[in-house]
Amino acid sequence: MSSIDELIHQRVPADERLALLAFADSGVIEVTRRELDSRIAATARALQQDGLGEGDRILLLAANRIEWIVLALATLRAGGVIVPVDTQMGAEDLAHVFNDAAPWRIVVDEASALGLPQSVPRERIHRLEDLGTAASEGADDRREREPAAPVA
């Protein structure tokens, strides 16, 4: 039986073809397959160095963005389990998910951090923006361009 990471490597070569496309205020951000693989590898190494063990859960509460994808795939590559949580979930439901999932680490974006219940242990909370250093390694391949004109 293959892992998700192994299946991706078997089917999707790390080459210069486009893997991700994100629309940001600064324009369109393109990430190649090679760059995505590099970011995933760097983030997976960082997670393992921080102590992520086989089967440890990372709860991810953040809006969709490139770093979300990188962290999710890096967690799988490092042997962890990703627990994605809807950013629109209410505080009571969030508290239940946190208690039930018993995550090793909780990763949130800036906006989602504001809605965390007080019962969530603050020492386990990390900002997705702070993981950007590892997730941005090898960013030489990233290309920004002007946003496309709106479709009429």
Protein backbone atom coordinates (compact mmCIF):
# COMPACT_ATOMS: atom_id res chain seq x y z
CA MET A 1 0.00 0.00 0.00
CA SER A 2 1.36 3.41 -0.98
CA SER A 3 1.09 6.65 0.97
CA ILE A 4 -0.48 9.74 -0.55
CA ASP A 5 2.99 11.26 -0.84
CA GLU A 6 4.29 8.20 -2.72
CA LEU A 7 1.30 8.25 -5.07
CA ILE A 8 1.90 11.93 -5.84
CA HIS A 9 5.57 11.24 -6.62
CA GLN A 10 4.65 8.31 -8.87
CA ARG A 11 2.08 10.30 -10.86
CA VAL A 12 3.33 13.90 -10.74
CA PRO A 13 6.97 14.55 -11.59
CA ALA A 14 8.65 17.54 -9.92
CA ASP A 15 9.24 19.53 -13.07
CA GLU A 16 8.68 23.07 -14.29
CA ARG A 17 4.99 22.62 -15.09
CA LEU A 18 2.53 24.72 -13.15
CA ALA A 19 1.24 23.10 -9.95
CA LEU A 20 -0.55 25.95 -8.19
CA LEU A 21 -2.05 29.26 -9.13
CA ALA A 22 -3.07 31.80 -6.49
CA PHE A 23 -4.67 35.18 -6.85
CA ALA A 24 -3.21 37.73 -4.42
CA ASP A 25 -3.40 41.50 -4.03
CA SER A 26 0.04 41.70 -5.65
CA GLY A 27 -1.09 39.70 -8.66
CA VAL A 28 -1.21 36.08 -9.71
CA ILE A 29 1.29 33.75 -8.04
CA GLU A 30 2.36 30.67 -9.93
CA VAL A 31 4.15 27.75 -8.27
CA THR A 32 5.83 25.03 -10.33
CA ARG A 33 5.74 21.37 -9.40
CA ARG A 34 9.47 21.52 -8.57
CA GLU A 35 8.98 24.49 -6.26
CA LEU A 36 5.97 22.89 -4.59
CA ASP A 37 7.95 19.71 -3.96
CA SER A 38 10.83 21.78 -2.53
CA ARG A 39 8.49 23.67 -0.19
CA ILE A 40 6.80 20.45 0.95
CA ALA A 41 10.18 18.82 1.64
CA ALA A 42 11.48 21.82 3.62
CA THR A 43 8.31 22.07 5.70
CA ALA A 44 8.23 18.30 6.34
CA ARG A 45 11.85 18.43 7.57
CA ALA A 46 11.01 21.38 9.84
CA LEU A 47 8.01 19.53 11.30
CA GLN A 48 10.10 16.42 11.98
CA GLN A 49 12.86 18.50 13.57
CA ASP A 50 10.23 20.10 15.81
CA GLY A 51 9.18 16.63 16.97
CA LEU A 52 6.25 15.60 14.77
CA GLY A 53 5.91 11.86 15.17
CA GLU A 54 4.23 9.18 13.09
CA GLY A 55 0.46 9.66 13.38
CA ASP A 56 0.67 12.98 15.26
CA ARG A 57 -2.14 15.33 14.27
CA ILE A 58 -1.81 18.87 13.02
CA LEU A 59 -5.06 20.77 13.17
CA LEU A 60 -5.19 23.37 10.38
CA LEU A 61 -7.59 26.28 10.74
CA ALA A 62 -6.84 28.71 7.93
CA ALA A 63 -8.21 30.13 4.70
CA ASN A 64 -7.28 28.48 1.42
CA ARG A 65 -3.84 29.57 0.24
CA ILE A 66 -0.58 28.09 -1.03
CA GLU A 67 0.82 27.65 2.49
CA TRP A 68 -2.27 25.61 3.42
CA ILE A 69 -1.55 23.14 0.64
CA VAL A 70 2.16 23.02 1.49
CA LEU A 71 1.50 22.35 5.18
CA ALA A 72 -1.13 19.69 4.47
CA LEU A 73 1.13 17.76 2.07
CA ALA A 74 4.23 18.26 4.26
CA THR A 75 2.35 16.85 7.25
CA LEU A 76 1.49 13.73 5.26
CA ARG A 77 5.07 13.43 3.97
CA ALA A 78 6.41 13.68 7.52
CA GLY A 79 4.07 10.90 8.69
CA GLY A 80 1.55 13.11 10.45
CA VAL A 81 -2.19 13.42 10.05
CA ILE A 82 -3.75 16.67 8.86
CA VAL A 83 -7.01 17.72 10.49
CA PRO A 84 -8.49 20.50 8.33
CA VAL A 85 -11.10 22.64 10.05
CA ASP A 86 -13.63 24.98 8.44
CA THR A 87 -12.78 28.60 9.26
CA GLN A 88 -16.50 29.37 9.63
CA MET A 89 -16.99 26.87 12.44
CA GLY A 90 -18.37 28.33 15.68
CA ALA A 91 -16.35 28.52 18.91
CA GLU A 92 -18.28 25.71 20.63
CA ASP A 93 -17.78 23.34 17.69
CA LEU A 94 -14.12 24.35 17.45
CA ALA A 95 -13.59 23.50 21.11
CA HIS A 96 -15.15 20.07 20.50
CA VAL A 97 -12.91 19.40 17.49
CA PHE A 98 -9.79 20.49 19.41
CA ASN A 99 -10.65 18.22 22.32
CA ASP A 100 -11.60 15.28 20.12
CA ALA A 101 -8.63 15.51 17.73
CA ALA A 102 -6.02 16.09 20.48
CA PRO A 103 -3.63 17.73 17.99
CA TRP A 104 0.14 17.85 18.47
CA ARG A 105 0.07 21.30 16.90
CA ILE A 106 -2.63 23.79 15.93
CA VAL A 107 -1.87 25.97 12.91
CA VAL A 108 -4.01 29.03 12.23
CA ASP A 109 -3.85 32.04 9.96
CA GLU A 110 -4.05 35.56 11.35
CA ALA A 111 -7.80 35.93 10.82
CA SER A 112 -8.69 32.53 12.30
CA ALA A 113 -6.54 33.06 15.38
CA LEU A 114 -9.02 35.64 16.61
CA GLY A 115 -11.85 33.12 16.85
CA LEU A 116 -10.04 30.43 18.86
CA PRO A 117 -11.78 29.34 22.04
CA GLN A 118 -9.98 30.17 25.30
CA SER A 119 -9.80 26.46 26.13
CA VAL A 120 -7.25 25.85 23.35
CA PRO A 121 -3.75 25.53 24.84
CA ARG A 122 -1.82 28.55 23.58
CA GLU A 123 1.54 26.75 23.57
CA ARG A 124 0.33 24.44 20.77
CA ILE A 125 -0.83 27.29 18.50
CA HIS A 126 1.40 28.28 15.60
CA ARG A 127 0.73 30.83 12.87
CA LEU A 128 0.60 29.66 9.27
CA GLU A 129 2.38 32.88 8.34
CA ASP A 130 5.31 31.87 10.58
CA LEU A 131 5.68 28.59 8.73
CA GLY A 132 6.15 30.59 5.54
CA THR A 133 9.94 30.54 5.80
CA ALA A 134 10.18 26.79 5.31
CA ALA A 135 7.25 26.82 2.89
CA SER A 136 8.94 29.51 0.79
CA GLU A 137 12.35 27.84 0.47
CA GLY A 138 13.21 27.34 -3.15
CA ALA A 139 10.89 30.19 -4.10
CA ASP A 140 13.11 31.00 -7.08
CA ASP A 141 10.52 29.32 -9.29
CA ARG A 142 7.65 31.49 -8.07
CA ARG A 143 6.49 33.91 -10.70
CA GLU A 144 4.20 36.85 -10.06
CA ARG A 145 2.28 38.54 -12.81
CA GLU A 146 -0.40 41.16 -13.04
CA PRO A 147 -3.94 40.02 -12.25
CA ALA A 148 -5.97 38.99 -15.26
CA ALA A 149 -8.62 41.41 -16.41
CA PRO A 150 -12.10 40.57 -15.12
CA VAL A 151 -14.24 38.55 -17.47
CA ALA A 152 -17.09 40.66 -18.82
